Structures are given as structure tokens and as C-alpha cells.
Amino acid sequence: VPYYRQILPILNIFKNMNVNSGDGIDYSQQKRENIGDLI
């Protein structure tokens, strides 16, 4: 917890970076490579 100020700023930048694949299949969710979901 005391080190959140060093770790979380980058997470705040990439938090909304999700892949909008429409009605397609996003295989990155199966591989757990979607940055927004991981954050």
C-alpha cells in the first residue's frame, strides 16, 4: 500500500485500453493478454 504511488500511475494510463472487437472473438481474453482487464 505505501508504494502505490510508484506502481499505479502507469496502470491509470492503460486502464481503459481494451480491445473493441465488436461481435468478433477476442482471443487475448483467453490468453489473459488484455491490458484493461488485467489492470
PDB file of all heavy atoms in Angstrom:
ATOM      1  N   VAL A   1       0.816  -1.225   0.000  1.00  0.00           N
ATOM      2  CA  VAL A   1       0.000   0.000   0.000  1.00  0.00           C
ATOM      3  C   VAL A   1       0.848   1.273   0.000  1.00  0.00           C
ATOM      4  O   VAL A   1       0.570   2.207  -0.762  1.00  0.00           O
ATOM      5  CB  VAL A   1      -0.987  -0.015   1.183  1.00  0.00           C
ATOM      6  CG1 VAL A   1      -1.736   1.313   1.282  1.00  0.00           C
ATOM      7  CG2 VAL A   1      -1.979  -1.162   1.021  1.00  0.00           C
ATOM      8  N   PRO A   2       1.908   1.397   0.812  1.00  0.00           N
ATOM      9  CA  PRO A   2       2.692   2.646   0.773  1.00  0.00           C
ATOM     10  C   PRO A   2       3.390   2.900  -0.556  1.00  0.00           C
ATOM     11  O   PRO A   2       3.847   4.034  -0.794  1.00  0.00           O
ATOM     12  CB  PRO A   2       3.730   2.436   1.896  1.00  0.00           C
ATOM     13  CG  PRO A   2       3.164   1.386   2.768  1.00  0.00           C
ATOM     14  CD  PRO A   2       2.376   0.489   1.870  1.00  0.00           C
ATOM     15  N   TYR A   3       3.480   1.878  -1.414  1.00  0.00           N
ATOM     16  CA  TYR A   3       4.200   2.029  -2.681  1.00  0.00           C
ATOM     17  C   TYR A   3       3.258   2.169  -3.874  1.00  0.00           C
ATOM     18  O   TYR A   3       3.692   2.045  -5.020  1.00  0.00           O
ATOM     19  CB  TYR A   3       5.124   0.823  -2.898  1.00  0.00           C
ATOM     20  CG  TYR A   3       6.106   0.615  -1.772  1.00  0.00           C
ATOM     21  CD1 TYR A   3       5.913  -0.406  -0.841  1.00  0.00           C
ATOM     22  CD2 TYR A   3       7.206   1.441  -1.621  1.00  0.00           C
ATOM     23  CE1 TYR A   3       6.801  -0.602   0.203  1.00  0.00           C
ATOM     24  CE2 TYR A   3       8.106   1.254  -0.584  1.00  0.00           C
ATOM     25  CZ  TYR A   3       7.892   0.231   0.321  1.00  0.00           C
ATOM     26  OH  TYR A   3       8.778   0.046   1.361  1.00  0.00           O
ATOM     27  N   TYR A   4       1.972   2.404  -3.626  1.00  0.00           N
ATOM     28  CA  TYR A   4       1.031   2.572  -4.733  1.00  0.00           C
ATOM     29  C   TYR A   4       1.395   3.760  -5.622  1.00  0.00           C
ATOM     30  O   TYR A   4       1.123   3.753  -6.824  1.00  0.00           O
ATOM     31  CB  TYR A   4      -0.392   2.759  -4.195  1.00  0.00           C
ATOM     32  CG  TYR A   4      -1.063   1.477  -3.737  1.00  0.00           C
ATOM     33  CD1 TYR A   4      -2.295   1.507  -3.095  1.00  0.00           C
ATOM     34  CD2 TYR A   4      -0.474   0.239  -3.954  1.00  0.00           C
ATOM     35  CE1 TYR A   4      -2.912   0.342  -2.668  1.00  0.00           C
ATOM     36  CE2 TYR A   4      -1.086  -0.926  -3.526  1.00  0.00           C
ATOM     37  CZ  TYR A   4      -2.299  -0.868  -2.883  1.00  0.00           C
ATOM     38  OH  TYR A   4      -2.911  -2.026  -2.469  1.00  0.00           O
ATOM     39  N   ARG A   5       1.998   4.778  -5.054  1.00  0.00           N
ATOM     40  CA  ARG A   5       2.333   5.972  -5.855  1.00  0.00           C
ATOM     41  C   ARG A   5       3.414   5.669  -6.886  1.00  0.00           C
ATOM     42  O   ARG A   5       3.542   6.410  -7.862  1.00  0.00           O
ATOM     43  CB  ARG A   5       2.788   7.110  -4.942  1.00  0.00           C
ATOM     44  CG  ARG A   5       1.698   7.607  -4.026  1.00  0.00           C
ATOM     45  CD  ARG A   5       2.024   8.946  -3.417  1.00  0.00           C
ATOM     46  NE  ARG A   5       0.924   9.442  -2.588  1.00  0.00           N
ATOM     47  CZ  ARG A   5       0.854  10.686  -2.136  1.00  0.00           C
ATOM     48  NH1 ARG A   5       1.799  11.553  -2.416  1.00  0.00           N
ATOM     49  NH2 ARG A   5      -0.174  11.058  -1.391  1.00  0.00           N
ATOM     50  N   GLN A   6       4.204   4.623  -6.671  1.00  0.00           N
ATOM     51  CA  GLN A   6       5.204   4.242  -7.669  1.00  0.00           C
ATOM     52  C   GLN A   6       4.641   3.255  -8.691  1.00  0.00           C
ATOM     53  O   GLN A   6       5.094   3.222  -9.837  1.00  0.00           O
ATOM     54  CB  GLN A   6       6.410   3.586  -6.970  1.00  0.00           C
ATOM     55  CG  GLN A   6       7.375   4.556  -6.335  1.00  0.00           C
ATOM     56  CD  GLN A   6       6.879   5.097  -5.004  1.00  0.00           C
ATOM     57  OE1 GLN A   6       6.167   4.401  -4.280  1.00  0.00           O
ATOM     58  NE2 GLN A   6       7.230   6.324  -4.679  1.00  0.00           N
ATOM     59  N   ILE A   7       3.653   2.471  -8.299  1.00  0.00           N
ATOM     60  CA  ILE A   7       3.167   1.390  -9.168  1.00  0.00           C
ATOM     61  C   ILE A   7       1.963   1.809 -10.008  1.00  0.00           C
ATOM     62  O   ILE A   7       1.877   1.481 -11.199  1.00  0.00           O
ATOM     63  CB  ILE A   7       2.808   0.156  -8.305  1.00  0.00           C
ATOM     64  CG1 ILE A   7       4.037  -0.334  -7.535  1.00  0.00           C
ATOM     65  CG2 ILE A   7       2.250  -0.965  -9.167  1.00  0.00           C
ATOM     66  CD1 ILE A   7       3.726  -1.464  -6.565  1.00  0.00           C
ATOM     67  N   LEU A   8       1.032   2.556  -9.414  1.00  0.00           N
ATOM     68  CA  LEU A   8      -0.276   2.755 -10.044  1.00  0.00           C
ATOM     69  C   LEU A   8      -0.350   3.817 -11.140  1.00  0.00           C
ATOM     70  O   LEU A   8      -1.316   3.777 -11.909  1.00  0.00           O
ATOM     71  CB  LEU A   8      -1.327   3.072  -8.969  1.00  0.00           C
ATOM     72  CG  LEU A   8      -1.560   1.980  -7.921  1.00  0.00           C
ATOM     73  CD1 LEU A   8      -2.732   2.347  -7.022  1.00  0.00           C
ATOM     74  CD2 LEU A   8      -1.795   0.628  -8.578  1.00  0.00           C
ATOM     75  N   PRO A   9       0.565   4.803 -11.245  1.00  0.00           N
ATOM     76  CA  PRO A   9       0.392   5.794 -12.329  1.00  0.00           C
ATOM     77  C   PRO A   9       0.333   5.185 -13.725  1.00  0.00           C
ATOM     78  O   PRO A   9      -0.482   5.619 -14.556  1.00  0.00           O
ATOM     79  CB  PRO A   9       1.623   6.700 -12.161  1.00  0.00           C
ATOM     80  CG  PRO A   9       1.943   6.629 -10.718  1.00  0.00           C
ATOM     81  CD  PRO A   9       1.633   5.215 -10.320  1.00  0.00           C
ATOM     82  N   ILE A  10       1.167   4.193 -14.018  1.00  0.00           N
ATOM     83  CA  ILE A  10       1.125   3.565 -15.347  1.00  0.00           C
ATOM     84  C   ILE A  10      -0.177   2.795 -15.521  1.00  0.00           C
ATOM     85  O   ILE A  10      -0.755   2.763 -16.613  1.00  0.00           O
ATOM     86  CB  ILE A  10       2.334   2.640 -15.539  1.00  0.00           C
ATOM     87  CG1 ILE A  10       3.632   3.434 -15.376  1.00  0.00           C
ATOM     88  CG2 ILE A  10       2.301   1.990 -16.912  1.00  0.00           C
ATOM     89  CD1 ILE A  10       3.802   4.538 -16.380  1.00  0.00           C
ATOM     90  N   LEU A  11      -0.672   2.173 -14.442  1.00  0.00           N
ATOM     91  CA  LEU A  11      -1.946   1.446 -14.532  1.00  0.00           C
ATOM     92  C   LEU A  11      -3.088   2.410 -14.831  1.00  0.00           C
ATOM     93  O   LEU A  11      -4.038   2.050 -15.541  1.00  0.00           O
ATOM     94  CB  LEU A  11      -2.207   0.691 -13.232  1.00  0.00           C
ATOM     95  CG  LEU A  11      -1.615  -0.723 -13.108  1.00  0.00           C
ATOM     96  CD1 LEU A  11      -0.095  -0.710 -13.203  1.00  0.00           C
ATOM     97  CD2 LEU A  11      -2.058  -1.384 -11.818  1.00  0.00           C
ATOM     98  N   ASN A  12      -3.002   3.617 -14.302  1.00  0.00           N
ATOM     99  CA  ASN A  12      -4.040   4.613 -14.574  1.00  0.00           C
ATOM    100  C   ASN A  12      -4.041   5.023 -16.046  1.00  0.00           C
ATOM    101  O   ASN A  12      -5.099   5.310 -16.621  1.00  0.00           O
ATOM    102  CB  ASN A  12      -3.815   5.848 -13.687  1.00  0.00           C
ATOM    103  CG  ASN A  12      -4.924   6.860 -13.816  1.00  0.00           C
ATOM    104  OD1 ASN A  12      -6.087   6.493 -13.985  1.00  0.00           O
ATOM    105  ND2 ASN A  12      -4.578   8.127 -13.756  1.00  0.00           N
ATOM    106  N   ILE A  13      -2.870   5.043 -16.682  1.00  0.00           N
ATOM    107  CA  ILE A  13      -2.788   5.428 -18.102  1.00  0.00           C
ATOM    108  C   ILE A  13      -3.412   4.361 -18.994  1.00  0.00           C
ATOM    109  O   ILE A  13      -4.166   4.663 -19.925  1.00  0.00           O
ATOM    110  CB  ILE A  13      -1.321   5.676 -18.489  1.00  0.00           C
ATOM    111  CG1 ILE A  13      -0.759   6.891 -17.727  1.00  0.00           C
ATOM    112  CG2 ILE A  13      -1.179   5.898 -19.990  1.00  0.00           C
ATOM    113  CD1 ILE A  13       0.717   7.135 -17.964  1.00  0.00           C
ATOM    114  N   PHE A  14      -3.111   3.089 -18.703  1.00  0.00           N
ATOM    115  CA  PHE A  14      -3.542   1.995 -19.584  1.00  0.00           C
ATOM    116  C   PHE A  14      -4.843   1.343 -19.136  1.00  0.00           C
ATOM    117  O   PHE A  14      -5.239   0.324 -19.715  1.00  0.00           O
ATOM    118  CB  PHE A  14      -2.445   0.925 -19.645  1.00  0.00           C
ATOM    119  CG  PHE A  14      -1.231   1.345 -20.430  1.00  0.00           C
ATOM    120  CD1 PHE A  14      -0.177   1.985 -19.802  1.00  0.00           C
ATOM    121  CD2 PHE A  14      -1.136   1.097 -21.782  1.00  0.00           C
ATOM    122  CE1 PHE A  14       0.949   2.378 -20.509  1.00  0.00           C
ATOM    123  CE2 PHE A  14      -0.022   1.477 -22.498  1.00  0.00           C
ATOM    124  CZ  PHE A  14       1.020   2.119 -21.863  1.00  0.00           C
ATOM    125  N   LYS A  15      -5.506   1.905 -18.126  1.00  0.00           N
ATOM    126  CA  LYS A  15      -6.680   1.227 -17.560  1.00  0.00           C
ATOM    127  C   LYS A  15      -7.800   1.040 -18.576  1.00  0.00           C
ATOM    128  O   LYS A  15      -8.488   0.017 -18.578  1.00  0.00           O
ATOM    129  CB  LYS A  15      -7.202   2.022 -16.362  1.00  0.00           C
ATOM    130  CG  LYS A  15      -8.374   1.368 -15.638  1.00  0.00           C
ATOM    131  CD  LYS A  15      -8.765   2.163 -14.409  1.00  0.00           C
ATOM    132  CE  LYS A  15      -9.893   1.459 -13.648  1.00  0.00           C
ATOM    133  NZ  LYS A  15     -11.132   1.435 -14.408  1.00  0.00           N
ATOM    134  N   ASN A  16      -7.996   1.991 -19.450  1.00  0.00           N
ATOM    135  CA  ASN A  16      -9.102   1.932 -20.406  1.00  0.00           C
ATOM    136  C   ASN A  16      -8.679   1.392 -21.765  1.00  0.00           C
ATOM    137  O   ASN A  16      -9.421   1.541 -22.741  1.00  0.00           O
ATOM    138  CB  ASN A  16      -9.718   3.326 -20.584  1.00  0.00           C
ATOM    139  CG  ASN A  16     -10.361   3.820 -19.305  1.00  0.00           C
ATOM    140  OD1 ASN A  16     -10.969   3.054 -18.571  1.00  0.00           O
ATOM    141  ND2 ASN A  16     -10.209   5.109 -19.028  1.00  0.00           N
ATOM    142  N   MET A  17      -7.509   0.775 -21.845  1.00  0.00           N
ATOM    143  CA  MET A  17      -7.048   0.232 -23.117  1.00  0.00           C
ATOM    144  C   MET A  17      -7.616  -1.171 -23.293  1.00  0.00           C
ATOM    145  O   MET A  17      -6.981  -2.178 -22.973  1.00  0.00           O
ATOM    146  CB  MET A  17      -5.516   0.224 -23.179  1.00  0.00           C
ATOM    147  CG  MET A  17      -4.970  -0.289 -24.499  1.00  0.00           C
ATOM    148  SD  MET A  17      -3.191  -0.036 -24.675  1.00  0.00           S
ATOM    149  CE  MET A  17      -3.147   1.717 -25.008  1.00  0.00           C
ATOM    150  N   ASN A  18      -8.827  -1.235 -23.787  1.00  0.00           N
ATOM    151  CA  ASN A  18      -9.483  -2.503 -24.082  1.00  0.00           C
ATOM    152  C   ASN A  18      -9.654  -2.636 -25.586  1.00  0.00           C
ATOM    153  O   ASN A  18      -9.791  -1.641 -26.306  1.00  0.00           O
ATOM    154  CB  ASN A  18     -10.853  -2.594 -23.404  1.00  0.00           C
ATOM    155  CG  ASN A  18     -10.737  -2.940 -21.935  1.00  0.00           C
ATOM    156  OD1 ASN A  18     -10.010  -3.841 -21.566  1.00  0.00           O
ATOM    157  ND2 ASN A  18     -11.448  -2.205 -21.094  1.00  0.00           N
ATOM    158  N   VAL A  19      -9.657  -3.875 -26.050  1.00  0.00           N
ATOM    159  CA  VAL A  19      -9.831  -4.134 -27.474  1.00  0.00           C
ATOM    160  C   VAL A  19     -11.313  -4.204 -27.785  1.00  0.00           C
ATOM    161  O   VAL A  19     -12.043  -5.032 -27.238  1.00  0.00           O
ATOM    162  CB  VAL A  19      -9.138  -5.452 -27.872  1.00  0.00           C
ATOM    163  CG1 VAL A  19      -9.349  -5.728 -29.351  1.00  0.00           C
ATOM    164  CG2 VAL A  19      -7.657  -5.389 -27.542  1.00  0.00           C
ATOM    165  N   ASN A  20     -11.773  -3.304 -28.670  1.00  0.00           N
ATOM    166  CA  ASN A  20     -13.173  -3.312 -29.091  1.00  0.00           C
ATOM    167  C   ASN A  20     -13.276  -4.114 -30.379  1.00  0.00           C
ATOM    168  O   ASN A  20     -13.066  -3.598 -31.469  1.00  0.00           O
ATOM    169  CB  ASN A  20     -13.671  -1.878 -29.286  1.00  0.00           C
ATOM    170  CG  ASN A  20     -15.162  -1.831 -29.580  1.00  0.00           C
ATOM    171  OD1 ASN A  20     -15.828  -2.853 -29.552  1.00  0.00           O
ATOM    172  ND2 ASN A  20     -15.662  -0.651 -29.873  1.00  0.00           N
ATOM    173  N   SER A  21     -13.592  -5.394 -30.244  1.00  0.00           N
ATOM    174  CA  SER A  21     -13.641  -6.282 -31.407  1.00  0.00           C
ATOM    175  C   SER A  21     -15.052  -6.443 -31.958  1.00  0.00           C
ATOM    176  O   SER A  21     -15.269  -7.278 -32.836  1.00  0.00           O
ATOM    177  CB  SER A  21     -13.074  -7.662 -31.039  1.00  0.00           C
ATOM    178  OG  SER A  21     -13.793  -8.198 -29.949  1.00  0.00           O
ATOM    179  N   GLY A  22     -16.002  -5.657 -31.442  1.00  0.00           N
ATOM    180  CA  GLY A  22     -17.367  -5.764 -31.945  1.00  0.00           C
ATOM    181  C   GLY A  22     -17.959  -7.124 -31.628  1.00  0.00           C
ATOM    182  O   GLY A  22     -17.942  -7.579 -30.487  1.00  0.00           O
ATOM    183  N   ASP A  23     -18.484  -7.798 -32.659  1.00  0.00           N
ATOM    184  CA  ASP A  23     -19.064  -9.127 -32.450  1.00  0.00           C
ATOM    185  C   ASP A  23     -18.052 -10.232 -32.723  1.00  0.00           C
ATOM    186  O   ASP A  23     -18.414 -11.408 -32.786  1.00  0.00           O
ATOM    187  CB  ASP A  23     -20.297  -9.322 -33.338  1.00  0.00           C
ATOM    188  CG  ASP A  23     -19.956  -9.172 -34.822  1.00  0.00           C
ATOM    189  OD1 ASP A  23     -18.833  -8.715 -35.106  1.00  0.00           O
ATOM    190  OD2 ASP A  23     -20.803  -9.494 -35.666  1.00  0.00           O
ATOM    191  N   GLY A  24     -16.791  -9.862 -32.894  1.00  0.00           N
ATOM    192  CA  GLY A  24     -15.759 -10.869 -33.121  1.00  0.00           C
ATOM    193  C   GLY A  24     -15.308 -11.509 -31.814  1.00  0.00           C
ATOM    194  O   GLY A  24     -15.787 -11.192 -30.725  1.00  0.00           O
ATOM    195  N   ILE A  25     -14.384 -12.439 -31.926  1.00  0.00           N
ATOM    196  CA  ILE A  25     -13.858 -13.158 -30.772  1.00  0.00           C
ATOM    197  C   ILE A  25     -12.525 -12.539 -30.388  1.00  0.00           C
ATOM    198  O   ILE A  25     -11.633 -12.404 -31.228  1.00  0.00           O
ATOM    199  CB  ILE A  25     -13.689 -14.662 -31.088  1.00  0.00           C
ATOM    200  CG1 ILE A  25     -15.032 -15.279 -31.464  1.00  0.00           C
ATOM    201  CG2 ILE A  25     -13.080 -15.398 -29.897  1.00  0.00           C
ATOM    202  CD1 ILE A  25     -14.932 -16.726 -31.901  1.00  0.00           C
ATOM    203  N   ASP A  26     -12.389 -12.166 -29.132  1.00  0.00           N
ATOM    204  CA  ASP A  26     -11.153 -11.589 -28.628  1.00  0.00           C
ATOM    205  C   ASP A  26     -10.372 -12.697 -27.923  1.00  0.00           C
ATOM    206  O   ASP A  26     -10.647 -13.043 -26.780  1.00  0.00           O
ATOM    207  CB  ASP A  26     -11.448 -10.432 -27.672  1.00  0.00           C
ATOM    208  CG  ASP A  26     -10.179  -9.744 -27.200  1.00  0.00           C
ATOM    209  OD1 ASP A  26      -9.126 -10.014 -27.808  1.00  0.00           O
ATOM    210  OD2 ASP A  26     -10.240  -8.948 -26.246  1.00  0.00           O
ATOM    211  N   TYR A  27      -9.395 -13.257 -28.630  1.00  0.00           N
ATOM    212  CA  TYR A  27      -8.639 -14.373 -28.058  1.00  0.00           C
ATOM    213  C   TYR A  27      -7.668 -13.919 -26.978  1.00  0.00           C
ATOM    214  O   TYR A  27      -7.148 -14.751 -26.237  1.00  0.00           O
ATOM    215  CB  TYR A  27      -7.867 -15.105 -29.161  1.00  0.00           C
ATOM    216  CG  TYR A  27      -8.774 -15.828 -30.121  1.00  0.00           C
ATOM    217  CD1 TYR A  27      -9.119 -15.260 -31.341  1.00  0.00           C
ATOM    218  CD2 TYR A  27      -9.305 -17.071 -29.809  1.00  0.00           C
ATOM    219  CE1 TYR A  27      -9.955 -15.912 -32.227  1.00  0.00           C
ATOM    220  CE2 TYR A  27     -10.143 -17.746 -30.685  1.00  0.00           C
ATOM    221  CZ  TYR A  27     -10.465 -17.156 -31.893  1.00  0.00           C
ATOM    222  OH  TYR A  27     -11.304 -17.804 -32.759  1.00  0.00           O
ATOM    223  N   SER A  28      -7.400 -12.630 -26.867  1.00  0.00           N
ATOM    224  CA  SER A  28      -6.500 -12.153 -25.829  1.00  0.00           C
ATOM    225  C   SER A  28      -7.092 -12.349 -24.436  1.00  0.00           C
ATOM    226  O   SER A  28      -6.362 -12.406 -23.445  1.00  0.00           O
ATOM    227  CB  SER A  28      -6.169 -10.669 -26.041  1.00  0.00           C
ATOM    228  OG  SER A  28      -7.320  -9.862 -25.886  1.00  0.00           O
ATOM    229  N   GLN A  29      -8.431 -12.460 -24.352  1.00  0.00           N
ATOM    230  CA  GLN A  29      -9.041 -12.722 -23.053  1.00  0.00           C
ATOM    231  C   GLN A  29      -8.722 -14.137 -22.576  1.00  0.00           C
ATOM    232  O   GLN A  29      -8.493 -14.367 -21.389  1.00  0.00           O
ATOM    233  CB  GLN A  29     -10.554 -12.523 -23.142  1.00  0.00           C
ATOM    234  CG  GLN A  29     -10.968 -11.072 -23.355  1.00  0.00           C
ATOM    235  CD  GLN A  29     -12.474 -10.917 -23.415  1.00  0.00           C
ATOM    236  OE1 GLN A  29     -13.192 -11.898 -23.561  1.00  0.00           O
ATOM    237  NE2 GLN A  29     -12.952  -9.698 -23.325  1.00  0.00           N
ATOM    238  N   GLN A  30      -8.690 -15.091 -23.507  1.00  0.00           N
ATOM    239  CA  GLN A  30      -8.340 -16.454 -23.121  1.00  0.00           C
ATOM    240  C   GLN A  30      -6.876 -16.539 -22.705  1.00  0.00           C
ATOM    241  O   GLN A  30      -6.525 -17.261 -21.776  1.00  0.00           O
ATOM    242  CB  GLN A  30      -8.620 -17.410 -24.283  1.00  0.00           C
ATOM    243  CG  GLN A  30     -10.080 -17.441 -24.707  1.00  0.00           C
ATOM    244  CD  GLN A  30     -10.304 -18.334 -25.913  1.00  0.00           C
ATOM    245  OE1 GLN A  30      -9.375 -18.981 -26.394  1.00  0.00           O
ATOM    246  NE2 GLN A  30     -11.527 -18.369 -26.417  1.00  0.00           N
ATOM    247  N   LYS A  31      -6.004 -15.815 -23.387  1.00  0.00           N
ATOM    248  CA  LYS A  31      -4.578 -15.821 -23.061  1.00  0.00           C
ATOM    249  C   LYS A  31      -4.247 -14.861 -21.916  1.00  0.00           C
ATOM    250  O   LYS A  31      -3.104 -14.787 -21.497  1.00  0.00           O
ATOM    251  CB  LYS A  31      -3.766 -15.425 -24.294  1.00  0.00           C
ATOM    252  CG  LYS A  31      -3.975 -16.329 -25.489  1.00  0.00           C
ATOM    253  CD  LYS A  31      -3.207 -15.815 -26.698  1.00  0.00           C
ATOM    254  CE  LYS A  31      -3.449 -16.662 -27.927  1.00  0.00           C
ATOM    255  NZ  LYS A  31      -2.741 -16.134 -29.117  1.00  0.00           N
ATOM    256  N   ARG A  32      -5.250 -14.105 -21.448  1.00  0.00           N
ATOM    257  CA  ARG A  32      -5.058 -13.098 -20.398  1.00  0.00           C
ATOM    258  C   ARG A  32      -3.997 -12.089 -20.825  1.00  0.00           C
ATOM    259  O   ARG A  32      -3.028 -11.849 -20.126  1.00  0.00           O
ATOM    260  CB  ARG A  32      -4.693 -13.755 -19.067  1.00  0.00           C
ATOM    261  CG  ARG A  32      -5.773 -14.686 -18.537  1.00  0.00           C
ATOM    262  CD  ARG A  32      -5.463 -15.188 -17.159  1.00  0.00           C
ATOM    263  NE  ARG A  32      -5.541 -14.116 -16.181  1.00  0.00           N
ATOM    264  CZ  ARG A  32      -4.587 -13.869 -15.288  1.00  0.00           C
ATOM    265  NH1 ARG A  32      -3.482 -14.574 -15.280  1.00  0.00           N
ATOM    266  NH2 ARG A  32      -4.738 -12.907 -14.407  1.00  0.00           N
ATOM    267  N   GLU A  33      -4.192 -11.510 -22.010  1.00  0.00           N
ATOM    268  CA  GLU A  33      -3.275 -10.509 -22.530  1.00  0.00           C
ATOM    269  C   GLU A  33      -3.971  -9.181 -22.792  1.00  0.00           C
ATOM    270  O   GLU A  33      -3.402  -8.306 -23.428  1.00  0.00           O
ATOM    271  CB  GLU A  33      -2.617 -11.016 -23.824  1.00  0.00           C
ATOM    272  CG  GLU A  33      -1.715 -12.218 -23.621  1.00  0.00           C
ATOM    273  CD  GLU A  33      -1.136 -12.738 -24.922  1.00  0.00           C
ATOM    274  OE1 GLU A  33      -1.562 -12.224 -25.978  1.00  0.00           O
ATOM    275  OE2 GLU A  33      -0.286 -13.633 -24.889  1.00  0.00           O
ATOM    276  N   ASN A  34      -5.210  -9.054 -22.327  1.00  0.00           N
ATOM    277  CA  ASN A  34      -5.928  -7.795 -22.491  1.00  0.00           C
ATOM    278  C   ASN A  34      -5.546  -6.867 -21.326  1.00  0.00           C
ATOM    279  O   ASN A  34      -5.857  -7.155 -20.165  1.00  0.00           O
ATOM    280  CB  ASN A  34      -7.444  -8.050 -22.506  1.00  0.00           C
ATOM    281  CG  ASN A  34      -8.205  -6.838 -22.999  1.00  0.00           C
ATOM    282  OD1 ASN A  34      -7.703  -5.720 -22.936  1.00  0.00           O
ATOM    283  ND2 ASN A  34      -9.404  -7.056 -23.496  1.00  0.00           N
ATOM    284  N   ILE A  35      -4.869  -5.764 -21.639  1.00  0.00           N
ATOM    285  CA  ILE A  35      -4.289  -4.919 -20.587  1.00  0.00           C
ATOM    286  C   ILE A  35      -5.377  -4.356 -19.678  1.00  0.00           C
ATOM    287  O   ILE A  35      -5.236  -4.344 -18.448  1.00  0.00           O
ATOM    288  CB  ILE A  35      -3.457  -3.786 -21.217  1.00  0.00           C
ATOM    289  CG1 ILE A  35      -2.258  -4.369 -21.960  1.00  0.00           C
ATOM    290  CG2 ILE A  35      -2.973  -2.817 -20.140  1.00  0.00           C
ATOM    291  CD1 ILE A  35      -1.361  -3.324 -22.581  1.00  0.00           C
ATOM    292  N   GLY A  36      -6.476  -3.883 -20.263  1.00  0.00           N
ATOM    293  CA  GLY A  36      -7.527  -3.277 -19.459  1.00  0.00           C
ATOM    294  C   GLY A  36      -8.104  -4.248 -18.437  1.00  0.00           C
ATOM    295  O   GLY A  36      -8.308  -3.896 -17.270  1.00  0.00           O
ATOM    296  N   ASP A  37      -8.359  -5.491 -18.864  1.00  0.00           N
ATOM    297  CA  ASP A  37      -8.906  -6.496 -17.941  1.00  0.00           C
ATOM    298  C   ASP A  37      -7.897  -6.886 -16.873  1.00  0.00           C
ATOM    299  O   ASP A  37      -8.252  -7.073 -15.699  1.00  0.00           O
ATOM    300  CB  ASP A  37      -9.345  -7.741 -18.725  1.00  0.00           C
ATOM    301  CG  ASP A  37     -10.533  -7.453 -19.640  1.00  0.00           C
ATOM    302  OD1 ASP A  37     -11.199  -6.426 -19.408  1.00  0.00           O
ATOM    303  OD2 ASP A  37     -10.763  -8.231 -20.578  1.00  0.00           O
ATOM    304  N   LEU A  38      -6.626  -7.001 -17.263  1.00  0.00           N
ATOM    305  CA  LEU A  38      -5.599  -7.367 -16.297  1.00  0.00           C
ATOM    306  C   LEU A  38      -5.417  -6.284 -15.236  1.00  0.00           C
ATOM    307  O   LEU A  38      -5.226  -6.577 -14.049  1.00  0.00           O
ATOM    308  CB  LEU A  38      -4.268  -7.618 -17.012  1.00  0.00           C
ATOM    309  CG  LEU A  38      -4.086  -9.000 -17.647  1.00  0.00           C
ATOM    310  CD1 LEU A  38      -2.787  -9.050 -18.426  1.00  0.00           C
ATOM    311  CD2 LEU A  38      -4.106 -10.081 -16.594  1.00  0.00           C
ATOM    312  N   ILE A  39      -5.483  -5.031 -15.659  1.00  0.00           N
ATOM    313  CA  ILE A  39      -5.347  -3.939 -14.690  1.00  0.00           C
ATOM    314  C   ILE A  39      -6.517  -3.953 -13.710  1.00  0.00           C
ATOM    315  O   ILE A  39      -6.335  -3.758 -12.496  1.00  0.00           O
ATOM    316  CB  ILE A  39      -5.243  -2.590 -15.431  1.00  0.00           C
ATOM    317  CG1 ILE A  39      -3.893  -2.489 -16.149  1.00  0.00           C
ATOM    318  CG2 ILE A  39      -5.401  -1.421 -14.461  1.00  0.00           C
ATOM    319  CD1 ILE A  39      -3.723  -1.229 -16.973  1.00  0.00           C
TER     320      ILE A  39
END
